[in-house]
Amino acid sequence: MDLSGLLSALRSLPEYHAALAAFEGEARARQPVAFKLARANRTPVAAALAADVQRPTLVVCARADRALTLAEELAVWSEASRVLYFPEPDPIFYEYDAWRPQTIRARLIALTALTHPNLQ
């Protein structure tokens, strides 16, 4: 079974429809949604939900290396949406070094995509 077949099987589950309904609710009525998924299942579920809600989706990770890995995995699983990574600053928080231009640019692109989803 290919990736699209796996995503189709995922989308046929009643639990997926409940999660999708929670994401598509009115902004004021929308409740935080927490999933208790195994790590291997998180990426395909996030990719399917992001594609189905048709708006920018933010996925938060506890560690920067996990966020980078997740961004790479989402790029494979996502059907049509682009995946942006919000990198951590280059210097450690107590250092006074300047951030690299690539870090600043990647952060600005990610924030712009979240605040202005119609800009591509």
PDB file of N, CA and C in Angstrom:
ATOM      1  N   MET A   1       0.845  -1.165   0.000  1.00  0.00           N
ATOM      2  CA  MET A   1       0.000   0.000   0.000  1.00  0.00           C
ATOM      3  C   MET A   1       0.900   1.241   0.000  1.00  0.00           C
ATOM      4  N   ASP A   2       0.596   2.208  -0.841  1.00  0.00           N
ATOM      5  CA  ASP A   2       1.394   3.427  -0.911  1.00  0.00           C
ATOM      6  C   ASP A   2       0.922   4.435   0.136  1.00  0.00           C
ATOM      7  N   LEU A   3       1.592   5.598   0.184  1.00  0.00           N
ATOM      8  CA  LEU A   3       1.271   6.605   1.197  1.00  0.00           C
ATOM      9  C   LEU A   3      -0.159   7.122   1.066  1.00  0.00           C
ATOM     10  N   SER A   4      -0.625   7.347  -0.159  1.00  0.00           N
ATOM     11  CA  SER A   4      -1.989   7.850  -0.326  1.00  0.00           C
ATOM     12  C   SER A   4      -3.010   6.813   0.141  1.00  0.00           C
ATOM     13  N   GLY A   5      -2.714   5.532  -0.050  1.00  0.00           N
ATOM     14  CA  GLY A   5      -3.605   4.483   0.433  1.00  0.00           C
ATOM     15  C   GLY A   5      -3.655   4.436   1.951  1.00  0.00           C
ATOM     16  N   LEU A   6      -2.503   4.655   2.583  1.00  0.00           N
ATOM     17  CA  LEU A   6      -2.471   4.696   4.042  1.00  0.00           C
ATOM     18  C   LEU A   6      -3.235   5.902   4.581  1.00  0.00           C
ATOM     19  N   LEU A   7      -3.076   7.051   3.905  1.00  0.00           N
ATOM     20  CA  LEU A   7      -3.822   8.235   4.339  1.00  0.00           C
ATOM     21  C   LEU A   7      -5.323   8.043   4.134  1.00  0.00           C
ATOM     22  N   SER A   8      -5.713   7.363   3.067  1.00  0.00           N
ATOM     23  CA  SER A   8      -7.138   7.074   2.839  1.00  0.00           C
ATOM     24  C   SER A   8      -7.691   6.172   3.933  1.00  0.00           C
ATOM     25  N   ALA A   9      -6.910   5.171   4.320  1.00  0.00           N
ATOM     26  CA  ALA A   9      -7.345   4.282   5.401  1.00  0.00           C
ATOM     27  C   ALA A   9      -7.453   5.052   6.720  1.00  0.00           C
ATOM     28  N   LEU A  10      -6.526   5.952   6.951  1.00  0.00           N
ATOM     29  CA  LEU A  10      -6.579   6.780   8.152  1.00  0.00           C
ATOM     30  C   LEU A  10      -7.815   7.670   8.154  1.00  0.00           C
ATOM     31  N   ARG A  11      -8.116   8.251   6.998  1.00  0.00           N
ATOM     32  CA  ARG A  11      -9.272   9.148   6.891  1.00  0.00           C
ATOM     33  C   ARG A  11     -10.608   8.416   7.029  1.00  0.00           C
ATOM     34  N   SER A  12     -10.612   7.112   6.894  1.00  0.00           N
ATOM     35  CA  SER A  12     -11.859   6.356   7.022  1.00  0.00           C
ATOM     36  C   SER A  12     -12.202   6.023   8.477  1.00  0.00           C
ATOM     37  N   LEU A  13     -11.296   6.281   9.401  1.00  0.00           N
ATOM     38  CA  LEU A  13     -11.539   5.958  10.803  1.00  0.00           C
ATOM     39  C   LEU A  13     -12.472   6.977  11.453  1.00  0.00           C
ATOM     40  N   PRO A  14     -13.398   6.522  12.285  1.00  0.00           N
ATOM     41  CA  PRO A  14     -14.304   7.465  12.964  1.00  0.00           C
ATOM     42  C   PRO A  14     -13.559   8.418  13.905  1.00  0.00           C
ATOM     43  N   GLU A  15     -12.478   7.969  14.508  1.00  0.00           N
ATOM     44  CA  GLU A  15     -11.695   8.828  15.389  1.00  0.00           C
ATOM     45  C   GLU A  15     -11.076   9.990  14.616  1.00  0.00           C
ATOM     46  N   TYR A  16     -10.695   9.720  13.366  1.00  0.00           N
ATOM     47  CA  TYR A  16     -10.130  10.790  12.539  1.00  0.00           C
ATOM     48  C   TYR A  16     -11.190  11.840  12.243  1.00  0.00           C
ATOM     49  N   HIS A  17     -12.413  11.400  11.960  1.00  0.00           N
ATOM     50  CA  HIS A  17     -13.498  12.346  11.679  1.00  0.00           C
ATOM     51  C   HIS A  17     -13.813  13.201  12.913  1.00  0.00           C
ATOM     52  N   ALA A  18     -13.727  12.609  14.105  1.00  0.00           N
ATOM     53  CA  ALA A  18     -13.955  13.378  15.329  1.00  0.00           C
ATOM     54  C   ALA A  18     -12.857  14.420  15.517  1.00  0.00           C
ATOM     55  N   ALA A  19     -11.628  14.045  15.240  1.00  0.00           N
ATOM     56  CA  ALA A  19     -10.521  14.992  15.354  1.00  0.00           C
ATOM     57  C   ALA A  19     -10.652  16.107  14.328  1.00  0.00           C
ATOM     58  N   LEU A  20     -11.032  15.756  13.127  1.00  0.00           N
ATOM     59  CA  LEU A  20     -11.204  16.753  12.074  1.00  0.00           C
ATOM     60  C   LEU A  20     -12.330  17.725  12.428  1.00  0.00           C
ATOM     61  N   ALA A  21     -13.403  17.217  13.001  1.00  0.00           N
ATOM     62  CA  ALA A  21     -14.508  18.082  13.416  1.00  0.00           C
ATOM     63  C   ALA A  21     -14.054  19.047  14.509  1.00  0.00           C
ATOM     64  N   ALA A  22     -13.190  18.596  15.394  1.00  0.00           N
ATOM     65  CA  ALA A  22     -12.676  19.470  16.454  1.00  0.00           C
ATOM     66  C   ALA A  22     -11.827  20.589  15.865  1.00  0.00           C
ATOM     67  N   PHE A  23     -11.065  20.292  14.833  1.00  0.00           N
ATOM     68  CA  PHE A  23     -10.226  21.302  14.196  1.00  0.00           C
ATOM     69  C   PHE A  23     -11.031  22.264  13.335  1.00  0.00           C
ATOM     70  N   GLU A  24     -12.121  21.811  12.774  1.00  0.00           N
ATOM     71  CA  GLU A  24     -12.899  22.645  11.863  1.00  0.00           C
ATOM     72  C   GLU A  24     -13.973  23.465  12.562  1.00  0.00           C
ATOM     73  N   GLY A  25     -14.098  23.349  13.882  1.00  0.00           N
ATOM     74  CA  GLY A  25     -15.112  24.105  14.612  1.00  0.00           C
ATOM     75  C   GLY A  25     -14.843  25.601  14.567  1.00  0.00           C
ATOM     76  N   GLU A  26     -15.826  26.357  15.020  1.00  0.00           N
ATOM     77  CA  GLU A  26     -15.673  27.807  15.098  1.00  0.00           C
ATOM     78  C   GLU A  26     -14.498  28.132  16.010  1.00  0.00           C
ATOM     79  N   ALA A  27     -13.813  29.231  15.712  1.00  0.00           N
ATOM     80  CA  ALA A  27     -12.613  29.593  16.462  1.00  0.00           C
ATOM     81  C   ALA A  27     -12.916  29.764  17.952  1.00  0.00           C
ATOM     82  N   ARG A  28     -14.054  30.362  18.287  1.00  0.00           N
ATOM     83  CA  ARG A  28     -14.387  30.580  19.693  1.00  0.00           C
ATOM     84  C   ARG A  28     -14.792  29.282  20.388  1.00  0.00           C
ATOM     85  N   ALA A  29     -15.389  28.378  19.653  1.00  0.00           N
ATOM     86  CA  ALA A  29     -15.870  27.134  20.245  1.00  0.00           C
ATOM     87  C   ALA A  29     -14.831  26.020  20.191  1.00  0.00           C
ATOM     88  N   ARG A  30     -13.752  26.233  19.470  1.00  0.00           N
ATOM     89  CA  ARG A  30     -12.752  25.186  19.284  1.00  0.00           C
ATOM     90  C   ARG A  30     -12.022  24.912  20.596  1.00  0.00           C
ATOM     91  N   GLN A  31     -11.953  23.673  20.964  1.00  0.00           N
ATOM     92  CA  GLN A  31     -11.257  23.253  22.167  1.00  0.00           C
ATOM     93  C   GLN A  31      -9.888  22.706  21.797  1.00  0.00           C
ATOM     94  N   PRO A  32      -8.923  22.806  22.701  1.00  0.00           N
ATOM     95  CA  PRO A  32      -7.621  22.183  22.417  1.00  0.00           C
ATOM     96  C   PRO A  32      -7.803  20.679  22.209  1.00  0.00           C
ATOM     97  N   VAL A  33      -7.066  20.147  21.267  1.00  0.00           N
ATOM     98  CA  VAL A  33      -7.162  18.730  20.953  1.00  0.00           C
ATOM     99  C   VAL A  33      -5.829  18.080  21.284  1.00  0.00           C
ATOM    100  N   ALA A  34      -5.870  17.041  22.084  1.00  0.00           N
ATOM    101  CA  ALA A  34      -4.661  16.303  22.436  1.00  0.00           C
ATOM    102  C   ALA A  34      -4.859  14.847  22.015  1.00  0.00           C
ATOM    103  N   PHE A  35      -3.876  14.339  21.314  1.00  0.00           N
ATOM    104  CA  PHE A  35      -3.924  12.951  20.866  1.00  0.00           C
ATOM    105  C   PHE A  35      -2.916  12.143  21.665  1.00  0.00           C
ATOM    106  N   LYS A  36      -3.286  10.925  21.969  1.00  0.00           N
ATOM    107  CA  LYS A  36      -2.353  10.005  22.613  1.00  0.00           C
ATOM    108  C   LYS A  36      -1.955   8.978  21.555  1.00  0.00           C
ATOM    109  N   LEU A  37      -1.056   9.401  20.680  1.00  0.00           N
ATOM    110  CA  LEU A  37      -0.639   8.561  19.566  1.00  0.00           C
ATOM    111  C   LEU A  37       0.791   8.078  19.768  1.00  0.00           C
ATOM    112  N   ALA A  38       1.061   6.908  19.261  1.00  0.00           N
ATOM    113  CA  ALA A  38       2.442   6.446  19.225  1.00  0.00           C
ATOM    114  C   ALA A  38       3.231   7.357  18.287  1.00  0.00           C
ATOM    115  N   ARG A  39       4.514   7.520  18.526  1.00  0.00           N
ATOM    116  CA  ARG A  39       5.326   8.444  17.737  1.00  0.00           C
ATOM    117  C   ARG A  39       5.241   8.130  16.241  1.00  0.00           C
ATOM    118  N   ALA A  40       5.187   6.878  15.871  1.00  0.00           N
ATOM    119  CA  ALA A  40       5.138   6.514  14.456  1.00  0.00           C
ATOM    120  C   ALA A  40       3.839   6.958  13.792  1.00  0.00           C
ATOM    121  N   ASN A  41       2.791   7.137  14.559  1.00  0.00           N
ATOM    122  CA  ASN A  41       1.492   7.528  14.006  1.00  0.00           C
ATOM    123  C   ASN A  41       1.294   9.036  13.937  1.00  0.00           C
ATOM    124  N   ARG A  42       2.097   9.798  14.620  1.00  0.00           N
ATOM    125  CA  ARG A  42       1.885  11.242  14.705  1.00  0.00           C
ATOM    126  C   ARG A  42       2.059  11.943  13.362  1.00  0.00           C
ATOM    127  N   THR A  43       3.063  11.571  12.610  1.00  0.00           N
ATOM    128  CA  THR A  43       3.350  12.262  11.359  1.00  0.00           C
ATOM    129  C   THR A  43       2.232  12.082  10.331  1.00  0.00           C
ATOM    130  N   PRO A  44       1.770  10.852  10.047  1.00  0.00           N
ATOM    131  CA  PRO A  44       0.687  10.734   9.065  1.00  0.00           C
ATOM    132  C   PRO A  44      -0.608  11.408   9.520  1.00  0.00           C
ATOM    133  N   VAL A  45      -0.917  11.369  10.807  1.00  0.00           N
ATOM    134  CA  VAL A  45      -2.135  12.027  11.295  1.00  0.00           C
ATOM    135  C   VAL A  45      -2.009  13.537  11.130  1.00  0.00           C
ATOM    136  N   ALA A  46      -0.856  14.098  11.493  1.00  0.00           N
ATOM    137  CA  ALA A  46      -0.638  15.545  11.342  1.00  0.00           C
ATOM    138  C   ALA A  46      -0.705  15.952   9.875  1.00  0.00           C
ATOM    139  N   ALA A  47      -0.132  15.158   8.990  1.00  0.00           N
ATOM    140  CA  ALA A  47      -0.150  15.482   7.561  1.00  0.00           C
ATOM    141  C   ALA A  47      -1.572  15.442   7.007  1.00  0.00           C
ATOM    142  N   ALA A  48      -2.342  14.436   7.390  1.00  0.00           N
ATOM    143  CA  ALA A  48      -3.716  14.329   6.895  1.00  0.00           C
ATOM    144  C   ALA A  48      -4.581  15.459   7.428  1.00  0.00           C
ATOM    145  N   LEU A  49      -4.453  15.774   8.705  1.00  0.00           N
ATOM    146  CA  LEU A  49      -5.244  16.861   9.279  1.00  0.00           C
ATOM    147  C   LEU A  49      -4.876  18.205   8.656  1.00  0.00           C
ATOM    148  N   ALA A  50      -3.588  18.450   8.471  1.00  0.00           N
ATOM    149  CA  ALA A  50      -3.157  19.711   7.870  1.00  0.00           C
ATOM    150  C   ALA A  50      -3.697  19.851   6.452  1.00  0.00           C
ATOM    151  N   ALA A  51      -3.727  18.760   5.703  1.00  0.00           N
ATOM    152  CA  ALA A  51      -4.252  18.820   4.336  1.00  0.00           C
ATOM    153  C   ALA A  51      -5.767  19.015   4.329  1.00  0.00           C
ATOM    154  N   ASP A  52      -6.458  18.419   5.283  1.00  0.00           N
ATOM    155  CA  ASP A  52      -7.920  18.469   5.279  1.00  0.00           C
ATOM    156  C   ASP A  52      -8.499  19.758   5.846  1.00  0.00           C
ATOM    157  N   VAL A  53      -7.807  20.425   6.746  1.00  0.00           N
ATOM    158  CA  VAL A  53      -8.366  21.663   7.316  1.00  0.00           C
ATOM    159  C   VAL A  53      -8.127  22.855   6.401  1.00  0.00           C
ATOM    160  N   GLN A  54      -7.257  22.727   5.440  1.00  0.00           N
ATOM    161  CA  GLN A  54      -7.026  23.770   4.432  1.00  0.00           C
ATOM    162  C   GLN A  54      -6.634  25.123   5.035  1.00  0.00           C
ATOM    163  N   ARG A  55      -5.801  25.082   6.054  1.00  0.00           N
ATOM    164  CA  ARG A  55      -5.241  26.317   6.610  1.00  0.00           C
ATOM    165  C   ARG A  55      -3.920  25.957   7.275  1.00  0.00           C
ATOM    166  N   PRO A  56      -3.087  26.945   7.541  1.00  0.00           N
ATOM    167  CA  PRO A  56      -1.800  26.635   8.176  1.00  0.00           C
ATOM    168  C   PRO A  56      -1.996  25.907   9.501  1.00  0.00           C
ATOM    169  N   THR A  57      -1.159  24.942   9.738  1.00  0.00           N
ATOM    170  CA  THR A  57      -1.234  24.131  10.937  1.00  0.00           C
ATOM    171  C   THR A  57       0.114  24.169  11.633  1.00  0.00           C
ATOM    172  N   LEU A  58       0.106  24.389  12.918  1.00  0.00           N
ATOM    173  CA  LEU A  58       1.327  24.462  13.706  1.00  0.00           C
ATOM    174  C   LEU A  58       1.467  23.194  14.524  1.00  0.00           C
ATOM    175  N   VAL A  59       2.607  22.536  14.391  1.00  0.00           N
ATOM    176  CA  VAL A  59       2.905  21.339  15.164  1.00  0.00           C
ATOM    177  C   VAL A  59       4.083  21.689  16.066  1.00  0.00           C
ATOM    178  N   VAL A  60       3.920  21.479  17.359  1.00  0.00           N
ATOM    179  CA  VAL A  60       4.943  21.848  18.338  1.00  0.00           C
ATOM    180  C   VAL A  60       5.640  20.588  18.833  1.00  0.00           C
ATOM    181  N   CYS A  61       6.965  20.671  18.902  1.00  0.00           N
ATOM    182  CA  CYS A  61       7.775  19.560  19.403  1.00  0.00           C
ATOM    183  C   CYS A  61       8.561  20.026  20.622  1.00  0.00           C
ATOM    184  N   ALA A  62       8.917  19.096  21.473  1.00  0.00           N
ATOM    185  CA  ALA A  62       9.647  19.437  22.691  1.00  0.00           C
ATOM    186  C   ALA A  62      11.124  19.718  22.423  1.00  0.00           C
ATOM    187  N   ARG A  63      11.678  19.118  21.389  1.00  0.00           N
ATOM    188  CA  ARG A  63      13.111  19.288  21.118  1.00  0.00           C
ATOM    189  C   ARG A  63      13.306  19.740  19.680  1.00  0.00           C
ATOM    190  N   ALA A  64      14.329  20.538  19.467  1.00  0.00           N
ATOM    191  CA  ALA A  64      14.610  21.083  18.137  1.00  0.00           C
ATOM    192  C   ALA A  64      14.967  19.986  17.140  1.00  0.00           C
ATOM    193  N   ASP A  65      15.726  18.979  17.563  1.00  0.00           N
ATOM    194  CA  ASP A  65      16.088  17.910  16.631  1.00  0.00           C
ATOM    195  C   ASP A  65      14.858  17.108  16.220  1.00  0.00           C
ATOM    196  N   ARG A  66      13.915  16.930  17.121  1.00  0.00           N
ATOM    197  CA  ARG A  66      12.668  16.220  16.779  1.00  0.00           C
ATOM    198  C   ARG A  66      11.819  17.052  15.828  1.00  0.00           C
ATOM    199  N   ALA A  67      11.826  18.372  16.010  1.00  0.00           N
ATOM    200  CA  ALA A  67      11.074  19.253  15.108  1.00  0.00           C
ATOM    201  C   ALA A  67      11.629  19.178  13.691  1.00  0.00           C
ATOM    202  N   LEU A  68      12.938  19.159  13.556  1.00  0.00           N
ATOM    203  CA  LEU A  68      13.545  19.061  12.230  1.00  0.00           C
ATOM    204  C   LEU A  68      13.220  17.720  11.581  1.00  0.00           C
ATOM    205  N   THR A  69      13.290  16.651  12.354  1.00  0.00           N
ATOM    206  CA  THR A  69      12.939  15.328  11.829  1.00  0.00           C
ATOM    207  C   THR A  69      11.476  15.280  11.412  1.00  0.00           C
ATOM    208  N   LEU A  70      10.606  15.848  12.234  1.00  0.00           N
ATOM    209  CA  LEU A  70       9.180  15.867  11.907  1.00  0.00           C
ATOM    210  C   LEU A  70       8.916  16.671  10.645  1.00  0.00           C
ATOM    211  N   ALA A  71       9.605  17.791  10.476  1.00  0.00           N
ATOM    212  CA  ALA A  71       9.424  18.599   9.262  1.00  0.00           C
ATOM    213  C   ALA A  71       9.825  17.802   8.024  1.00  0.00           C
ATOM    214  N   GLU A  72      10.906  17.060   8.118  1.00  0.00           N
ATOM    215  CA  GLU A  72      11.336  16.236   6.980  1.00  0.00           C
ATOM    216  C   GLU A  72      10.337  15.122   6.697  1.00  0.00           C
ATOM    217  N   GLU A  73       9.811  14.493   7.748  1.00  0.00           N
ATOM    218  CA  GLU A  73       8.824  13.427   7.571  1.00  0.00           C
ATOM    219  C   GLU A  73       7.514  13.971   7.016  1.00  0.00           C
ATOM    220  N   LEU A  74       7.091  15.136   7.493  1.00  0.00           N
ATOM    221  CA  LEU A  74       5.853  15.737   6.988  1.00  0.00           C
ATOM    222  C   LEU A  74       5.965  16.088   5.512  1.00  0.00           C
ATOM    223  N   ALA A  75       7.152  16.467   5.068  1.00  0.00           N
ATOM    224  CA  ALA A  75       7.340  16.771   3.653  1.00  0.00           C
ATOM    225  C   ALA A  75       7.076  15.536   2.792  1.00  0.00           C
ATOM    226  N   VAL A  76       7.366  14.363   3.317  1.00  0.00           N
ATOM    227  CA  VAL A  76       7.110  13.120   2.582  1.00  0.00           C
ATOM    228  C   VAL A  76       5.624  12.768   2.630  1.00  0.00           C
ATOM    229  N   TRP A  77       5.010  12.910   3.795  1.00  0.00           N
ATOM    230  CA  TRP A  77       3.618  12.517   3.978  1.00  0.00           C
ATOM    231  C   TRP A  77       2.626  13.519   3.408  1.00  0.00           C
ATOM    232  N   SER A  78       2.983  14.794   3.385  1.00  0.00           N
ATOM    233  CA  SER A  78       2.011  15.807   2.950  1.00  0.00           C
ATOM    234  C   SER A  78       1.742  15.659   1.466  1.00  0.00           C
ATOM    235  N   GLU A  79       0.482  15.814   1.112  1.00  0.00           N
ATOM    236  CA  GLU A  79       0.075  15.583  -0.273  1.00  0.00           C
ATOM    237  C   GLU A  79       0.338  16.791  -1.153  1.00  0.00           C
ATOM    238  N   ALA A  80      -0.016  17.973  -0.702  1.00  0.00           N
ATOM    239  CA  ALA A  80       0.149  19.147  -1.547  1.00  0.00           C
ATOM    240  C   ALA A  80       0.661  20.355  -0.772  1.00  0.00           C
ATOM    241  N   SER A  81       0.545  20.317   0.534  1.00  0.00           N
ATOM    242  CA  SER A  81       0.922  21.493   1.314  1.00  0.00           C
ATOM    243  C   SER A  81       2.429  21.540   1.518  1.00  0.00           C
ATOM    244  N   ARG A  82       2.918  22.758   1.662  1.00  0.00           N
ATOM    245  CA  ARG A  82       4.343  22.895   1.938  1.00  0.00           C
ATOM    246  C   ARG A  82       4.555  22.844   3.438  1.00  0.00           C
ATOM    247  N   VAL A  83       5.724  22.405   3.835  1.00  0.00           N
ATOM    248  CA  VAL A  83       6.067  22.264   5.237  1.00  0.00           C
ATOM    249  C   VAL A  83       7.164  23.273   5.543  1.00  0.00           C
ATOM    250  N   LEU A  84       6.921  24.094   6.547  1.00  0.00           N
ATOM    251  CA  LEU A  84       7.898  25.087   6.963  1.00  0.00           C
ATOM    252  C   LEU A  84       8.434  24.718   8.338  1.00  0.00           C
ATOM    253  N   TYR A  85       9.688  25.027   8.553  1.00  0.00           N
ATOM    254  CA  TYR A  85      10.361  24.722   9.811  1.00  0.00           C
ATOM    255  C   TYR A  85      10.701  26.042  10.496  1.00  0.00           C
ATOM    256  N   PHE A  86      10.429  26.139  11.772  1.00  0.00           N
ATOM    257  CA  PHE A  86      10.734  27.328  12.567  1.00  0.00           C
ATOM    258  C   PHE A  86      11.986  27.002  13.385  1.00  0.00           C
ATOM    259  N   PRO A  87      13.165  27.335  12.854  1.00  0.00           N
ATOM    260  CA  PRO A  87      14.409  26.897  13.510  1.00  0.00           C
ATOM    261  C   PRO A  87      14.675  27.637  14.812  1.00  0.00           C
ATOM    262  N   GLU A  88      15.432  26.978  15.668  1.00  0.00           N
ATOM    263  CA  GLU A  88      15.835  27.630  16.904  1.00  0.00           C
ATOM    264  C   GLU A  88      16.973  28.608  16.611  1.00  0.00           C
ATOM    265  N   PRO A  89      17.165  29.605  17.460  1.00  0.00           N
ATOM    266  CA  PRO A  89      18.264  30.550  17.244  1.00  0.00           C
ATOM    267  C   PRO A  89      19.610  29.829  17.265  1.00  0.00           C
ATOM    268  N   ASP A  90      20.541  30.350  16.520  1.00  0.00           N
ATOM    269  CA  ASP A  90      21.865  29.711  16.437  1.00  0.00           C
ATOM    270  C   ASP A  90      22.657  29.831  17.738  1.00  0.00           C
ATOM    271  N   PRO A  91      22.785  31.033  18.306  1.00  0.00           N
ATOM    272  CA  PRO A  91      23.520  31.103  19.575  1.00  0.00           C
ATOM    273  C   PRO A  91      22.658  30.617  20.730  1.00  0.00           C
ATOM    274  N   ILE A  92      23.315  30.184  21.777  1.00  0.00           N
ATOM    275  CA  ILE A  92      22.616  29.783  22.994  1.00  0.00           C
ATOM    276  C   ILE A  92      22.028  31.041  23.630  1.00  0.00           C
ATOM    277  N   PHE A  93      20.954  30.908  24.404  1.00  0.00           N
ATOM    278  CA  PHE A  93      20.197  32.066  24.869  1.00  0.00           C
ATOM    279  C   PHE A  93      21.019  33.079  25.657  1.00  0.00           C
ATOM    280  N   TYR A  94      22.116  32.687  26.270  1.00  0.00           N
ATOM    281  CA  TYR A  94      22.910  33.644  27.041  1.00  0.00           C
ATOM    282  C   TYR A  94      24.059  34.235  26.230  1.00  0.00           C
ATOM    283  N   GLU A  95      24.237  33.826  24.997  1.00  0.00           N
ATOM    284  CA  GLU A  95      25.270  34.391  24.134  1.00  0.00           C
ATOM    285  C   GLU A  95      24.736  35.619  23.410  1.00  0.00           C
ATOM    286  N   TYR A  96      25.623  36.521  23.076  1.00  0.00           N
ATOM    287  CA  TYR A  96      25.229  37.758  22.398  1.00  0.00           C
ATOM    288  C   TYR A  96      25.583  37.745  20.915  1.00  0.00           C
ATOM    289  N   ASP A  97      25.777  36.580  20.361  1.00  0.00           N
ATOM    290  CA  ASP A  97      26.104  36.473  18.939  1.00  0.00           C
ATOM    291  C   ASP A  97      24.862  36.745  18.089  1.00  0.00           C
ATOM    292  N   ALA A  98      25.102  37.170  16.869  1.00  0.00           N
ATOM    293  CA  ALA A  98      24.005  37.434  15.932  1.00  0.00           C
ATOM    294  C   ALA A  98      23.478  36.116  15.358  1.00  0.00           C
ATOM    295  N   TRP A  99      22.202  36.137  15.016  1.00  0.00           N
ATOM    296  CA  TRP A  99      21.608  34.982  14.355  1.00  0.00           C
ATOM    297  C   TRP A  99      22.045  34.972  12.899  1.00  0.00           C
ATOM    298  N   ARG A 100      22.117  33.784  12.335  1.00  0.00           N
ATOM    299  CA  ARG A 100      22.442  33.667  10.914  1.00  0.00           C
ATOM    300  C   ARG A 100      21.267  34.187  10.087  1.00  0.00           C
ATOM    301  N   PRO A 101      21.551  34.761   8.914  1.00  0.00           N
ATOM    302  CA  PRO A 101      20.458  35.247   8.053  1.00  0.00           C
ATOM    303  C   PRO A 101      19.485  34.137   7.649  1.00  0.00           C
ATOM    304  N   GLN A 102      19.967  32.898   7.491  1.00  0.00           N
ATOM    305  CA  GLN A 102      19.094  31.790   7.113  1.00  0.00           C
ATOM    306  C   GLN A 102      18.070  31.495   8.216  1.00  0.00           C
ATOM    307  N   THR A 103      18.496  31.611   9.472  1.00  0.00           N
ATOM    308  CA  THR A 103      17.585  31.382  10.591  1.00  0.00           C
ATOM    309  C   THR A 103      16.514  32.458  10.636  1.00  0.00           C
ATOM    310  N   ILE A 104      16.914  33.704  10.472  1.00  0.00           N
ATOM    311  CA  ILE A 104      15.969  34.815  10.491  1.00  0.00           C
ATOM    312  C   ILE A 104      14.965  34.672   9.355  1.00  0.00           C
ATOM    313  N   ARG A 105      15.472  34.336   8.173  1.00  0.00           N
ATOM    314  CA  ARG A 105      14.594  34.202   6.995  1.00  0.00           C
ATOM    315  C   ARG A 105      13.599  33.068   7.179  1.00  0.00           C
ATOM    316  N   ALA A 106      14.059  31.903   7.664  1.00  0.00           N
ATOM    317  CA  ALA A 106      13.161  30.759   7.862  1.00  0.00           C
ATOM    318  C   ALA A 106      12.085  31.074   8.892  1.00  0.00           C
ATOM    319  N   ARG A 107      12.447  31.795   9.948  1.00  0.00           N
ATOM    320  CA  ARG A 107      11.459  32.170  10.957  1.00  0.00           C
ATOM    321  C   ARG A 107      10.440  33.154  10.410  1.00  0.00           C
ATOM    322  N   LEU A 108      10.899  34.129   9.639  1.00  0.00           N
ATOM    323  CA  LEU A 108       9.980  35.103   9.057  1.00  0.00           C
ATOM    324  C   LEU A 108       9.019  34.447   8.073  1.00  0.00           C
ATOM    325  N   ILE A 109       9.515  33.521   7.278  1.00  0.00           N
ATOM    326  CA  ILE A 109       8.652  32.818   6.326  1.00  0.00           C
ATOM    327  C   ILE A 109       7.584  32.012   7.068  1.00  0.00           C
ATOM    328  N   ALA A 110       7.982  31.312   8.146  1.00  0.00           N
ATOM    329  CA  ALA A 110       7.023  30.507   8.904  1.00  0.00           C
ATOM    330  C   ALA A 110       5.979  31.393   9.581  1.00  0.00           C
ATOM    331  N   LEU A 111       6.396  32.490  10.182  1.00  0.00           N
ATOM    332  CA  LEU A 111       5.443  33.382  10.843  1.00  0.00           C
ATOM    333  C   LEU A 111       4.514  34.049   9.834  1.00  0.00           C
ATOM    334  N   THR A 112       5.035  34.411   8.681  1.00  0.00           N
ATOM    335  CA  THR A 112       4.197  35.013   7.636  1.00  0.00           C
ATOM    336  C   THR A 112       3.157  34.009   7.154  1.00  0.00           C
ATOM    337  N   ALA A 113       3.541  32.754   6.999  1.00  0.00           N
ATOM    338  CA  ALA A 113       2.594  31.733   6.549  1.00  0.00           C
ATOM    339  C   ALA A 113       1.480  31.518   7.565  1.00  0.00           C
ATOM    340  N   LEU A 114       1.788  31.643   8.852  1.00  0.00           N
ATOM    341  CA  LEU A 114       0.764  31.476   9.889  1.00  0.00           C
ATOM    342  C   LEU A 114      -0.173  32.678   9.968  1.00  0.00           C
ATOM    343  N   THR A 115       0.365  33.863   9.762  1.00  0.00           N
ATOM    344  CA  THR A 115      -0.459  35.064   9.907  1.00  0.00           C
ATOM    345  C   THR A 115      -1.149  35.495   8.622  1.00  0.00           C
ATOM    346  N   HIS A 116      -0.581  35.141   7.483  1.00  0.00           N
ATOM    347  CA  HIS A 116      -1.160  35.480   6.186  1.00  0.00           C
ATOM    348  C   HIS A 116      -1.185  34.222   5.306  1.00  0.00           C
ATOM    349  N   PRO A 117      -2.125  33.320   5.523  1.00  0.00           N
ATOM    350  CA  PRO A 117      -2.113  32.039   4.804  1.00  0.00           C
ATOM    351  C   PRO A 117      -2.326  32.166   3.301  1.00  0.00           C
ATOM    352  N   ASN A 118      -2.858  33.277   2.821  1.00  0.00           N
ATOM    353  CA  ASN A 118      -3.104  33.417   1.382  1.00  0.00           C
ATOM    354  C   ASN A 118      -1.846  33.790   0.617  1.00  0.00           C
ATOM    355  N   LEU A 119      -0.815  34.239   1.296  1.00  0.00           N
ATOM    356  CA  LEU A 119       0.446  34.550   0.628  1.00  0.00           C
ATOM    357  C   LEU A 119       1.220  33.253   0.421  1.00  0.00           C
ATOM    358  N   GLN A 120       1.645  33.015  -0.761  1.00  0.00           N
ATOM    359  CA  GLN A 120       2.420  31.798  -1.026  1.00  0.00           C
ATOM    360  C   GLN A 120       3.775  32.125  -1.566  1.00  0.00           C
TER     361      GLN A 120
END
